[in-house]
């Protein structure tokens, strides 16, 4: 297939592009490179030394013999995505091209507005482009489990069967997003669902859990192909932050009580899920939702897992509870379904198997790049960035 990866220079997009290229697909990357700009804005850098995209693409061709086309562009500019769709004519579009940090969206009004505009308008432009230029194209959109929030019932995969006053229906699962970023994902879901109904677009919404890991089979072939490892308070995940803190001798920052529970997935499973979705497209007009995660953990569990893994390397890590900068339930029920991708052939990797090699050891190897000043939280949901 011809597969266009939007946001192909980013944390999920880059390994996805390499994986799909390695599997024999013709790949194009569309990216504005703004993710790198946000690092400069915030005064941070990814723990690993990522090279410019043109160097990564050249190295991939050298080690694999395969070419990847690059299309610089901004998805909020319709003429940009229109040009690429006309030229590349993809069979599938994998859409990662969004601002994906909840804290970034909560910094202040400007960052909230930017996040909403960038994500929602970009997706709308893409939907119109697919309708008018490549109507048979399959949209594979990265959503988030954060759309659901933490309801006191089991979370289904996108839809729920309900009975009300003697009548039954299958309706979209209620959404309780926890940030202006998560709200954009809900808006995307509604817009894509609507476009499928009225234009017969085919779309798969992948509600992904927290992704962890730095390496895939493809990125390990050369240091130039290395992936991002974000650990700062805005773009870093709790798991990445804990691994870096353990290595740097900084107490692990558990926010609040630490009972916040989420779904998690290895980056190697992320790229495989994308392939599964592309290989099994929905019918025209069908909007389907897969919950894309493999395990569930709370924050306290993650901290203990990192402390245990560090101890195997002779590192003694301390866990410390901090005032929670977010407004969220710190102890809650959480049980989400995730069977559809498993049924289609996903064979998961598990955190206990990869924590040392894919996280703690990567942090050790890049210890000299750790900046302890960017780890502690300064963005709060109530006051923005302090």
Protein backbone atom coordinates (compact mmCIF):
# COMPACT_ATOMS: atom_id res chain seq x y z
CA UNK A 1 0.00 0.00 0.00
CA UNK A 2 0.91 3.67 -0.28
CA UNK A 3 0.70 4.94 3.29
CA UNK A 4 1.07 8.59 4.26
CA UNK A 5 2.25 9.13 7.85
CA UNK A 6 1.27 12.55 9.16
CA UNK A 7 3.65 13.62 11.93
CA UNK A 8 6.20 11.08 10.71
CA UNK A 9 9.13 12.88 12.39
CA UNK A 10 7.60 12.42 15.86
CA UNK A 11 7.81 9.85 18.64
CA UNK A 12 5.14 7.49 17.27
CA UNK A 13 5.30 8.59 13.64
CA UNK A 14 8.99 7.91 13.03
CA UNK A 15 9.08 4.24 14.13
CA UNK A 16 5.73 3.69 12.39
CA UNK A 17 7.13 4.99 9.09
CA UNK A 18 10.22 2.75 9.39
CA UNK A 19 8.20 -0.31 10.38
CA UNK A 20 5.72 0.03 7.53
CA UNK A 21 8.54 0.74 5.07
CA UNK A 22 10.34 -2.36 6.28
CA UNK A 23 7.16 -4.37 5.69
CA UNK A 24 7.18 -3.40 2.01
CA UNK A 25 4.78 -0.46 1.91
CA UNK A 26 5.49 2.75 -0.01
CA UNK A 27 5.75 5.43 2.70
CA UNK A 28 5.44 9.18 2.66
CA UNK A 29 6.04 11.44 5.68
CA UNK A 30 4.15 14.72 6.07
CA UNK A 31 5.44 16.92 8.90
CA UNK A 32 5.75 20.59 9.86
CA UNK A 33 8.65 19.83 12.28
CA UNK A 34 6.94 21.94 14.93
CA UNK A 35 7.55 19.27 17.57
CA UNK A 36 11.24 20.16 17.48
CA UNK A 37 10.30 23.85 17.79
CA UNK A 38 8.39 23.15 21.01
CA UNK A 39 11.59 21.78 22.56
CA UNK A 40 13.29 25.11 21.81
CA UNK A 41 10.30 27.04 23.18
CA UNK A 42 10.34 25.09 26.45
CA UNK A 43 14.13 24.98 26.78
CA UNK A 44 14.27 21.18 26.81
CA UNK A 45 15.73 18.41 24.68
CA UNK A 46 14.85 14.77 24.22
CA UNK A 47 17.15 12.48 26.20
CA UNK A 48 18.32 10.73 23.04
CA UNK A 49 20.18 12.62 20.32
CA UNK A 50 17.73 12.72 17.42
CA UNK A 51 19.08 13.84 14.07
CA UNK A 52 17.40 16.04 11.45
CA UNK A 53 14.84 14.16 9.38
CA UNK A 54 16.84 14.29 6.16
CA UNK A 55 19.73 12.51 7.90
CA UNK A 56 17.36 9.88 9.33
CA UNK A 57 15.80 9.25 5.91
CA UNK A 58 19.21 8.96 4.22
CA UNK A 59 20.44 6.50 6.86
CA UNK A 60 17.26 4.41 6.53
CA UNK A 61 17.84 4.14 2.78
CA UNK A 62 21.44 3.12 3.47
CA UNK A 63 20.59 0.35 5.93
CA UNK A 64 17.37 -0.91 4.31
CA UNK A 65 17.61 -0.01 0.64
CA UNK A 66 14.16 1.60 0.90
CA UNK A 67 13.17 5.17 0.20
CA UNK A 68 10.69 7.28 2.16
CA UNK A 69 9.23 10.39 0.55
CA UNK A 70 9.14 13.56 2.65
CA UNK A 71 6.48 16.27 2.29
CA UNK A 72 7.06 19.31 4.54
CA UNK A 73 3.78 20.99 5.35
CA UNK A 74 1.30 22.27 7.93
CA UNK A 75 -1.97 20.36 8.27
CA UNK A 76 -3.81 23.55 9.28
CA UNK A 77 -3.06 24.79 5.74
CA UNK A 78 -5.52 23.03 3.46
CA UNK A 79 -3.42 23.79 0.37
CA UNK A 80 -0.54 21.86 1.94
CA UNK A 81 -2.45 18.64 2.57
CA UNK A 82 -4.33 19.03 -0.72
CA UNK A 83 -1.03 19.11 -2.62
CA UNK A 84 0.30 16.00 -0.87
CA UNK A 85 -2.87 13.96 -1.34
CA UNK A 86 -2.91 14.87 -5.03
CA UNK A 87 0.73 13.88 -5.49
CA UNK A 88 1.05 10.81 -3.26
CA UNK A 89 -2.47 9.35 -3.63
CA UNK A 90 -2.33 7.25 -0.43
CA UNK A 91 -4.34 4.11 0.19
CA UNK A 92 -4.16 4.86 3.92
CA UNK A 93 -3.32 7.93 5.99
CA UNK A 94 -1.93 7.45 9.50
CA UNK A 95 -2.68 10.63 11.43
CA UNK A 96 -0.26 11.49 14.25
CA UNK A 97 0.06 15.19 13.38
CA UNK A 98 -1.31 16.77 16.55
CA UNK A 99 -0.08 18.55 19.65
CA UNK A 100 -0.24 15.63 22.08
CA UNK A 101 0.68 17.03 25.50
CA UNK A 102 -2.00 17.73 28.12
CA UNK A 103 0.31 20.01 30.15
CA UNK A 104 1.26 21.98 27.03
CA UNK A 105 -2.42 22.65 26.37
CA UNK A 106 -2.87 23.89 29.95
CA UNK A 107 0.04 26.38 30.04
CA UNK A 108 -2.15 29.40 29.29
CA UNK A 109 -4.86 30.69 26.95
CA UNK A 110 -2.54 30.91 23.95
CA UNK A 111 -1.41 27.29 24.27
CA UNK A 112 -4.98 26.06 24.79
CA UNK A 113 -6.17 27.93 21.69
CA UNK A 114 -3.21 26.74 19.64
CA UNK A 115 -3.81 23.12 20.64
CA UNK A 116 -7.50 23.31 19.77
CA UNK A 117 -6.87 25.02 16.44
CA UNK A 118 -3.93 22.86 15.41
CA UNK A 119 -5.59 19.56 16.22
CA UNK A 120 -9.23 20.14 15.29
CA UNK A 121 -8.71 22.28 12.18
CA UNK A 122 -5.92 20.03 10.94
CA UNK A 123 -8.16 16.96 11.18
CA UNK A 124 -11.03 18.79 9.48
CA UNK A 125 -8.73 19.76 6.60
CA UNK A 126 -7.68 16.15 6.27
CA UNK A 127 -11.28 14.93 6.19
CA UNK A 128 -12.19 17.33 3.38
CA UNK A 129 -9.03 16.35 1.50
CA UNK A 130 -9.89 12.67 1.71
CA UNK A 131 -13.46 13.34 0.60
CA UNK A 132 -12.45 15.38 -2.43
CA UNK A 133 -9.20 13.73 -3.56
CA UNK A 134 -8.85 10.15 -2.25
CA UNK A 135 -12.36 9.07 -1.15
CA UNK A 136 -11.42 5.38 -0.90
CA UNK A 137 -8.48 6.15 1.40
CA UNK A 138 -8.58 4.63 4.90
CA UNK A 139 -8.00 7.14 7.70
CA UNK A 140 -6.16 5.61 10.66
CA UNK A 141 -6.40 8.26 13.38
CA UNK A 142 -4.52 8.17 16.67
CA UNK A 143 -6.95 8.97 19.46
CA UNK A 144 -6.41 8.52 23.17
CA UNK A 145 -7.84 6.54 26.06
CA UNK A 146 -7.94 9.92 27.81
CA UNK A 147 -11.14 10.71 25.89
CA UNK A 148 -13.02 8.39 28.25
CA UNK A 149 -11.74 9.81 31.51
CA UNK A 150 -12.22 7.58 34.55
CA UNK A 151 -15.91 6.56 34.66
CA UNK A 152 -17.19 4.31 37.43
CA UNK A 153 -18.16 1.66 34.86
CA UNK A 154 -16.18 -0.53 32.48
CA UNK A 155 -14.89 1.33 29.41
CA UNK A 156 -15.97 -0.27 26.13
CA UNK A 157 -14.28 0.14 22.74
CA UNK A 158 -15.84 3.32 21.41
CA UNK A 159 -19.50 2.41 21.75
CA UNK A 160 -21.84 1.17 24.45
CA UNK A 161 -25.19 -0.65 24.37
CA UNK A 162 -27.68 1.11 26.62
CA UNK A 163 -31.30 0.64 27.60
CA UNK A 164 -33.34 3.72 28.48
CA UNK A 165 -37.05 3.77 29.24
CA UNK A 166 -37.58 0.44 27.57
CA UNK A 167 -35.62 1.21 24.39
CA UNK A 168 -32.12 0.07 23.41
CA UNK A 169 -29.45 1.68 21.27
CA UNK A 170 -25.73 1.50 20.51
CA UNK A 171 -24.24 4.91 21.23
CA UNK A 172 -20.76 6.46 21.44
CA UNK A 173 -19.26 5.83 24.88
CA UNK A 174 -19.57 8.95 27.09
CA UNK A 175 -16.48 11.15 27.07
CA UNK A 176 -14.91 12.85 30.10
CA UNK A 177 -11.67 14.43 28.80
CA UNK A 178 -9.22 15.81 31.34
CA UNK A 179 -7.48 18.67 29.49
CA UNK A 180 -7.86 21.01 26.54
CA UNK A 181 -5.68 18.55 24.61
CA UNK A 182 -7.94 15.61 25.41
CA UNK A 183 -10.93 17.71 24.39
CA UNK A 184 -9.43 18.06 20.90
CA UNK A 185 -9.40 14.30 20.57
CA UNK A 186 -13.08 14.17 21.47
CA UNK A 187 -13.81 16.84 18.86
CA UNK A 188 -11.81 14.81 16.31
CA UNK A 189 -13.79 11.69 17.12
CA UNK A 190 -17.08 13.48 16.59
CA UNK A 191 -15.93 15.08 13.35
CA UNK A 192 -14.60 11.82 11.92
CA UNK A 193 -17.72 9.87 12.95
CA UNK A 194 -19.86 12.51 11.26
CA UNK A 195 -17.73 12.50 8.09
CA UNK A 196 -18.03 8.73 7.83
CA UNK A 197 -21.82 8.99 8.06
CA UNK A 198 -22.29 11.72 5.46
CA UNK A 199 -19.40 11.11 3.05
CA UNK A 200 -18.86 7.34 3.45
CA UNK A 201 -15.25 7.80 4.48
CA UNK A 202 -13.70 4.74 6.11
CA UNK A 203 -11.92 5.43 9.40
CA UNK A 204 -10.31 3.65 12.35
CA UNK A 205 -9.95 5.61 15.60
CA UNK A 206 -7.19 4.11 17.75
CA UNK A 207 -7.71 5.18 21.36
CA UNK A 208 -4.18 4.63 22.52
CA UNK A 209 -2.93 4.36 26.07
CA UNK A 210 0.35 5.81 27.32
CA UNK A 211 3.16 4.69 25.00
CA UNK A 212 6.53 3.67 26.40
CA UNK A 213 9.81 2.45 24.96
CA UNK A 214 12.38 3.91 22.63
CA UNK A 215 13.52 1.05 20.46
CA UNK A 216 11.99 -0.99 17.66
CA UNK A 217 13.69 -3.51 15.41
CA UNK A 218 14.12 -0.78 12.80
CA UNK A 219 15.40 2.06 15.02
CA UNK A 220 18.06 -0.25 16.48
CA UNK A 221 19.78 -0.71 13.12
CA UNK A 222 21.80 2.50 13.44
CA UNK A 223 22.22 5.25 16.08
CA UNK A 224 21.04 7.84 13.54
CA UNK A 225 17.63 6.14 13.54
CA UNK A 226 17.13 6.53 17.31
CA UNK A 227 13.71 7.60 18.56
CA UNK A 228 12.72 10.33 21.04
CA UNK A 229 12.81 9.86 24.82
CA UNK A 230 10.94 12.77 26.41
CA UNK A 231 11.17 13.16 30.18
CA UNK A 232 10.44 16.83 30.86
CA UNK A 233 7.37 17.92 32.83
CA UNK A 234 5.43 19.00 29.73
CA UNK A 235 6.02 16.23 27.17
CA UNK A 236 7.52 13.46 29.27
CA UNK A 237 5.37 10.59 30.52
CA UNK A 238 5.44 9.57 34.17
CA UNK A 239 7.24 6.35 33.28
CA UNK A 240 9.99 8.12 31.32
CA UNK A 241 10.33 10.67 34.09
CA UNK A 242 10.69 7.98 36.74
CA UNK A 243 13.44 6.20 34.78
CA UNK A 244 15.43 9.40 34.33
CA UNK A 245 14.95 10.40 37.96
CA UNK A 246 16.16 7.01 39.17
CA UNK A 247 19.32 7.23 37.07
CA UNK A 248 19.95 10.88 38.07
CA UNK A 249 19.44 10.24 41.79
CA UNK A 250 16.30 12.40 41.95
CA UNK A 251 13.25 11.19 43.94
CA UNK A 252 10.54 9.75 41.69
CA UNK A 253 7.73 12.30 41.45
CA UNK A 254 4.41 10.58 42.15
CA UNK A 255 1.62 13.14 41.79
CA UNK A 256 -0.87 13.07 44.64
CA UNK A 257 -1.91 9.67 45.98
CA UNK A 258 -0.65 7.85 42.90
CA UNK A 259 -3.79 5.82 42.33
CA UNK A 260 -4.32 7.29 38.86
CA UNK A 261 -4.72 4.25 36.58
CA UNK A 262 -4.19 4.23 32.82
CA UNK A 263 -3.63 1.84 29.93
CA UNK A 264 -0.07 1.37 28.62
CA UNK A 265 1.46 0.05 25.40
CA UNK A 266 4.98 -0.64 24.12
CA UNK A 267 6.02 1.39 21.05
CA UNK A 268 6.65 -1.92 19.25
CA UNK A 269 3.00 -2.77 19.72
CA UNK A 270 1.94 0.69 18.56
CA UNK A 271 3.53 0.20 15.16
CA UNK A 272 2.09 -3.30 14.89
CA UNK A 273 -1.40 -2.00 15.73
CA UNK A 274 -1.10 0.52 12.89
CA UNK A 275 -0.20 -2.29 10.52
CA UNK A 276 -3.13 -4.40 11.72
CA UNK A 277 -5.51 -1.49 11.16
CA UNK A 278 -4.13 -0.83 7.66
CA UNK A 279 -4.30 -4.51 6.71
CA UNK A 280 -7.92 -4.78 7.89
CA UNK A 281 -9.71 -1.64 6.64
CA UNK A 282 -13.33 -0.90 7.54
CA UNK A 283 -16.10 -0.73 4.96
CA UNK A 284 -16.93 2.60 3.28
CA UNK A 285 -18.87 4.71 5.75
CA UNK A 286 -17.76 2.63 8.73
CA UNK A 287 -16.30 4.36 11.78
CA UNK A 288 -14.71 1.91 14.17
CA UNK A 289 -12.83 2.33 17.44
CA UNK A 290 -10.07 0.13 18.86
CA UNK A 291 -8.74 0.65 22.39
CA UNK A 292 -5.00 0.42 21.81
CA UNK A 293 -3.27 -0.64 25.02
CA UNK A 294 -2.02 -3.91 26.49
CA UNK A 295 -1.76 -3.40 30.28
CA UNK A 296 -3.13 -1.17 33.04
CA UNK A 297 -1.08 0.34 35.87
CA UNK A 298 -1.46 3.08 38.42
CA UNK A 299 1.26 5.64 39.04
CA UNK A 300 2.38 4.08 42.33
CA UNK A 301 2.80 0.70 40.60
CA UNK A 302 4.95 2.32 37.89
CA UNK A 303 7.18 3.98 40.46
CA UNK A 304 7.71 0.69 42.29
CA UNK A 305 8.47 -1.12 39.02
CA UNK A 306 11.10 1.46 38.13
CA UNK A 307 12.58 1.35 41.62
CA UNK A 308 12.83 -2.44 41.39
CA UNK A 309 14.39 -2.34 37.92
CA UNK A 310 16.92 0.28 39.02
CA UNK A 311 17.87 -1.83 42.02
CA UNK A 312 18.92 -4.65 39.68
CA UNK A 313 21.50 -2.22 38.30
CA UNK A 314 22.71 -1.22 41.75
CA UNK A 315 20.73 2.03 41.78
CA UNK A 316 18.75 2.94 44.90
CA UNK A 317 15.75 5.08 43.94
CA UNK A 318 13.47 6.99 46.30
CA UNK A 319 9.76 7.58 45.70
CA UNK A 320 8.31 10.92 46.80
CA UNK A 321 4.72 12.17 46.59
CA UNK A 322 4.19 15.68 45.22
CA UNK A 323 1.13 17.92 45.19
CA UNK A 324 -0.82 16.97 42.09
CA UNK A 325 -0.68 19.79 39.50
CA UNK A 326 -3.61 18.24 37.64
CA UNK A 327 -7.29 18.23 38.55
CA UNK A 328 -8.14 14.53 38.39
CA UNK A 329 -9.37 11.63 40.48
CA UNK A 330 -6.34 10.21 42.29
CA UNK A 331 -8.06 6.95 43.24
CA UNK A 332 -10.75 5.49 41.00
CA UNK A 333 -12.20 2.45 39.28
CA UNK A 334 -10.64 1.69 35.89
CA UNK A 335 -11.33 -1.30 33.68
CA UNK A 336 -11.18 -0.88 29.90
CA UNK A 337 -11.83 -3.37 27.10
CA UNK A 338 -9.02 -3.97 24.61
CA UNK A 339 -9.90 -7.14 22.70
CA UNK A 340 -10.33 -6.05 19.07
CA UNK A 341 -6.65 -5.67 18.18
CA UNK A 342 -5.79 -8.86 20.06
CA UNK A 343 -8.45 -10.68 18.03
CA UNK A 344 -6.86 -9.33 14.83
CA UNK A 345 -3.44 -10.73 15.72
CA UNK A 346 -1.62 -8.39 18.12
CA UNK A 347 0.88 -10.31 20.26
CA UNK A 348 1.74 -7.84 23.05
CA UNK A 349 5.04 -6.97 24.61
CA UNK A 350 4.80 -6.38 28.35
CA UNK A 351 6.39 -3.74 30.54
CA UNK A 352 8.18 -6.13 32.88
CA UNK A 353 9.98 -7.60 29.87
CA UNK A 354 11.19 -4.30 28.43
CA UNK A 355 11.54 -1.89 31.37
CA UNK A 356 15.29 -2.38 31.77
CA UNK A 357 16.37 -2.60 28.12
CA UNK A 358 14.02 -0.09 26.54
CA UNK A 359 13.85 2.49 29.33
CA UNK A 360 16.23 2.36 32.29
CA UNK A 361 19.29 1.36 30.25
CA UNK A 362 18.52 4.03 27.65
CA UNK A 363 18.41 6.58 30.47
CA UNK A 364 21.76 5.30 31.75
CA UNK A 365 23.37 5.47 28.31
CA UNK A 366 22.29 9.10 27.95
CA UNK A 367 22.78 10.18 31.55
CA UNK A 368 25.02 13.08 30.49
CA UNK A 369 22.05 14.67 28.66
CA UNK A 370 19.73 14.74 31.70
CA UNK A 371 18.68 18.23 32.80
CA UNK A 372 17.20 17.99 36.32
CA UNK A 373 15.75 21.49 36.01
CA UNK A 374 13.03 20.48 33.53
CA UNK A 375 11.51 17.60 35.49
CA UNK A 376 9.50 19.04 38.39
CA UNK A 377 5.99 20.24 37.49
CA UNK A 378 5.42 23.94 36.83
CA UNK A 379 2.21 23.68 34.77
CA UNK A 380 -0.90 23.39 36.93
CA UNK A 381 -4.49 22.91 35.75
CA UNK A 382 -5.70 25.70 38.03
CA UNK A 383 -3.12 28.42 37.30
CA UNK A 384 -1.28 27.45 34.14
CA UNK A 385 2.51 27.71 34.12
CA UNK A 386 4.13 29.23 37.19
